[in-house]
N, C-alpha and C. Protein backbone atom coordinates (compact mmCIF):
# COMPACT_ATOMS: atom_id res chain seq x y z
N MET A 1 11.06 -6.42 9.32
CA MET A 1 10.82 -5.78 7.98
C MET A 1 11.78 -4.43 8.19
N ARG A 2 12.85 -4.66 7.47
CA ARG A 2 13.87 -3.42 7.43
C ARG A 2 13.31 -2.11 6.83
N ASN A 3 12.34 -2.20 5.97
CA ASN A 3 11.79 -1.10 5.13
C ASN A 3 10.38 -0.56 5.84
N ALA A 4 9.96 -1.16 6.86
CA ALA A 4 8.84 -0.94 7.52
C ALA A 4 8.56 0.63 7.74
N TRP A 5 9.54 1.33 7.78
CA TRP A 5 9.38 2.77 8.14
C TRP A 5 8.51 3.50 7.01
N ILE A 6 8.32 2.97 5.88
CA ILE A 6 7.61 3.54 4.72
C ILE A 6 6.28 3.50 5.10
N LEU A 7 5.79 2.51 6.02
CA LEU A 7 4.32 2.52 6.40
C LEU A 7 3.94 3.58 7.38
N ASP A 8 5.00 3.95 8.25
CA ASP A 8 4.84 5.09 8.96
C ASP A 8 4.71 6.35 8.34
N VAL A 9 5.61 6.53 7.30
CA VAL A 9 5.56 7.80 6.37
C VAL A 9 4.07 7.87 5.73
N LEU A 10 3.62 6.73 5.04
CA LEU A 10 2.38 6.73 4.34
C LEU A 10 1.33 7.01 5.40
N ALA A 11 1.39 6.54 6.56
CA ALA A 11 0.18 6.76 7.56
C ALA A 11 0.31 8.28 8.06
N ASP A 12 1.50 8.93 8.23
CA ASP A 12 1.54 10.37 8.50
C ASP A 12 1.12 11.20 7.26
N LEU A 13 1.27 10.86 5.93
CA LEU A 13 0.67 11.61 4.84
C LEU A 13 -0.78 11.36 4.75
N GLN A 14 -1.25 10.20 5.18
CA GLN A 14 -2.80 9.93 5.03
C GLN A 14 -3.45 10.84 6.15
N ALA A 15 -2.77 10.91 7.45
CA ALA A 15 -3.31 11.66 8.54
C ALA A 15 -3.43 13.03 8.01
N PHE A 16 -2.43 13.70 7.33
CA PHE A 16 -2.32 15.14 6.97
C PHE A 16 -3.50 15.27 5.96
N ALA A 17 -3.44 14.25 4.93
CA ALA A 17 -4.54 14.50 4.02
C ALA A 17 -6.01 14.62 4.59
N ARG A 18 -6.17 13.61 5.72
CA ARG A 18 -7.42 13.47 6.20
C ARG A 18 -7.86 14.90 6.93
N GLN A 19 -6.62 15.26 7.68
CA GLN A 19 -6.84 16.64 8.42
C GLN A 19 -7.10 17.72 7.74
N ASN A 20 -6.76 17.78 6.42
CA ASN A 20 -7.01 18.95 5.64
C ASN A 20 -7.84 18.79 4.41
N GLY A 21 -8.91 17.87 4.53
CA GLY A 21 -9.95 17.62 3.81
C GLY A 21 -9.72 17.22 2.58
N MET A 22 -8.61 16.38 2.37
CA MET A 22 -8.20 15.80 1.06
C MET A 22 -8.43 14.36 1.09
N THR A 23 -9.94 14.19 1.04
CA THR A 23 -10.46 12.88 1.15
C THR A 23 -10.08 11.82 -0.01
N ALA A 24 -10.01 12.39 -1.27
CA ALA A 24 -9.50 11.48 -2.37
C ALA A 24 -8.02 11.05 -2.17
N LEU A 25 -7.21 11.95 -1.81
CA LEU A 25 -5.96 11.59 -1.37
C LEU A 25 -5.76 10.64 -0.34
N SER A 26 -6.53 10.79 0.71
CA SER A 26 -6.44 9.91 1.84
C SER A 26 -7.00 8.49 1.29
N ASP A 27 -7.96 8.50 0.57
CA ASP A 27 -8.46 7.08 0.14
C ASP A 27 -7.43 6.56 -0.75
N HIS A 28 -6.60 7.18 -1.38
CA HIS A 28 -5.70 6.66 -2.39
C HIS A 28 -4.51 6.10 -1.45
N LEU A 29 -4.24 7.05 -0.48
CA LEU A 29 -3.10 6.47 0.46
C LEU A 29 -3.21 5.31 1.36
N ASP A 30 -4.68 5.06 1.53
CA ASP A 30 -5.16 3.86 2.09
C ASP A 30 -4.84 2.59 1.14
N ASP A 31 -5.06 2.78 -0.04
CA ASP A 31 -4.68 1.67 -0.93
C ASP A 31 -3.26 1.63 -1.10
N THR A 32 -2.45 2.66 -1.11
CA THR A 32 -1.00 2.58 -1.04
C THR A 32 -0.42 1.81 0.08
N ARG A 33 -1.03 2.14 1.28
CA ARG A 33 -0.57 1.49 2.45
C ARG A 33 -0.63 -0.04 2.37
N LEU A 34 -1.86 -0.35 1.82
CA LEU A 34 -2.18 -1.75 1.73
C LEU A 34 -1.12 -2.49 0.68
N LEU A 35 -0.91 -1.78 -0.43
CA LEU A 35 0.11 -2.23 -1.42
C LEU A 35 1.48 -2.28 -0.81
N ALA A 36 1.84 -1.29 0.01
CA ALA A 36 3.34 -1.25 0.62
C ALA A 36 3.36 -2.55 1.68
N THR A 37 2.27 -2.83 2.41
CA THR A 37 2.33 -3.93 3.17
C THR A 37 2.54 -5.27 2.48
N LEU A 38 1.87 -5.42 1.28
CA LEU A 38 1.88 -6.52 0.55
C LEU A 38 3.28 -6.84 -0.04
N GLU A 39 3.89 -5.63 -0.63
CA GLU A 39 5.15 -5.61 -1.22
C GLU A 39 6.28 -6.00 0.02
N LEU A 40 6.04 -5.45 1.08
CA LEU A 40 7.04 -5.63 2.22
C LEU A 40 7.01 -7.11 2.74
N ALA A 41 5.76 -7.76 2.84
CA ALA A 41 5.72 -9.01 3.29
C ALA A 41 6.19 -10.01 2.14
N ARG A 42 5.90 -9.79 0.79
CA ARG A 42 6.40 -10.62 -0.11
C ARG A 42 8.11 -10.57 -0.13
N ASP A 43 8.67 -9.39 0.23
CA ASP A 43 10.16 -9.12 0.31
C ASP A 43 10.67 -9.94 1.43
N ASN A 44 9.95 -10.05 2.49
CA ASN A 44 10.31 -10.81 3.70
C ASN A 44 10.14 -12.15 3.55
N GLU A 45 9.29 -12.76 2.29
CA GLU A 45 9.26 -14.13 2.10
C GLU A 45 10.33 -14.43 1.09
N GLY A 46 11.23 -13.66 0.80
CA GLY A 46 12.45 -14.01 -0.27
C GLY A 46 12.10 -13.75 -1.71
N MET A 47 10.93 -13.44 -1.87
CA MET A 47 10.43 -13.01 -3.42
C MET A 47 10.97 -11.69 -3.60
N GLN A 48 11.38 -11.44 -4.95
CA GLN A 48 11.63 -10.13 -5.41
C GLN A 48 10.40 -9.25 -5.76
N ALA A 49 10.48 -8.07 -5.54
CA ALA A 49 9.36 -7.09 -5.67
C ALA A 49 8.85 -7.34 -7.11
N ASP A 50 9.82 -7.53 -8.06
CA ASP A 50 9.39 -7.42 -9.54
C ASP A 50 9.43 -8.96 -10.01
N ASP A 51 8.82 -9.76 -9.58
CA ASP A 51 8.80 -11.10 -9.86
C ASP A 51 7.91 -11.66 -11.06
N GLY A 52 7.35 -10.65 -11.50
CA GLY A 52 6.46 -10.81 -12.71
C GLY A 52 5.10 -11.04 -12.33
N SER A 53 4.70 -11.04 -11.13
CA SER A 53 3.39 -11.34 -10.68
C SER A 53 2.70 -10.14 -10.10
N PRO A 54 2.01 -9.30 -10.97
CA PRO A 54 1.39 -8.12 -10.41
C PRO A 54 0.50 -8.20 -9.17
N VAL A 55 0.66 -7.44 -8.15
CA VAL A 55 -0.22 -7.55 -7.04
C VAL A 55 -1.02 -6.03 -7.18
N HIS A 56 -2.36 -6.29 -7.07
CA HIS A 56 -3.20 -5.17 -6.98
C HIS A 56 -3.94 -4.85 -5.71
N PRO A 57 -3.80 -3.74 -5.31
CA PRO A 57 -4.44 -3.30 -3.83
C PRO A 57 -5.82 -3.20 -3.70
N VAL A 58 -6.52 -3.59 -2.82
CA VAL A 58 -7.95 -3.36 -2.67
C VAL A 58 -8.06 -1.72 -2.32
N GLY A 59 -9.11 -1.38 -2.79
CA GLY A 59 -9.50 -0.02 -2.44
C GLY A 59 -10.92 0.18 -2.99
N ARG A 60 -11.38 1.29 -2.76
CA ARG A 60 -12.78 1.66 -3.30
C ARG A 60 -12.93 1.57 -4.69
N LEU A 61 -11.91 1.63 -5.54
CA LEU A 61 -11.82 1.44 -6.82
C LEU A 61 -11.17 0.31 -7.53
N SER A 62 -10.52 -0.35 -6.64
CA SER A 62 -9.66 -1.44 -7.30
C SER A 62 -10.25 -2.81 -6.85
N GLY A 63 -9.55 -4.09 -7.09
CA GLY A 63 -10.22 -5.12 -6.84
C GLY A 63 -9.88 -5.96 -5.47
N ASP A 64 -9.62 -7.13 -5.66
CA ASP A 64 -9.60 -8.02 -4.33
C ASP A 64 -8.08 -7.71 -3.81
N VAL A 65 -7.84 -7.60 -2.44
CA VAL A 65 -6.71 -7.55 -1.84
C VAL A 65 -5.48 -8.54 -2.42
N GLY A 66 -4.34 -8.03 -2.82
CA GLY A 66 -3.40 -9.12 -3.40
C GLY A 66 -3.85 -9.99 -4.47
N ARG A 67 -4.72 -9.79 -5.23
CA ARG A 67 -5.22 -10.50 -6.46
C ARG A 67 -4.14 -10.41 -7.34
N ARG A 68 -3.88 -11.69 -7.65
CA ARG A 68 -2.82 -11.97 -8.90
C ARG A 68 -3.49 -12.22 -10.07
N LEU A 69 -3.06 -11.64 -11.11
CA LEU A 69 -3.69 -11.70 -12.44
C LEU A 69 -3.02 -13.09 -13.10
């Protein structure tokens, strides 16, 4: 994954948020990390990020991981 560095950046941001009591932001960054992982995996499978099939991350407020509509 040539763009996997983004996962490290998101993890650092999430750690900062958690250490500074930003629980809502930390939770959203958890969702964001899942979505980034799905997008990177899809990119590695040769699919375009914008292939018309929306991917929705799992989170405390969202639905199933990678659920396609």
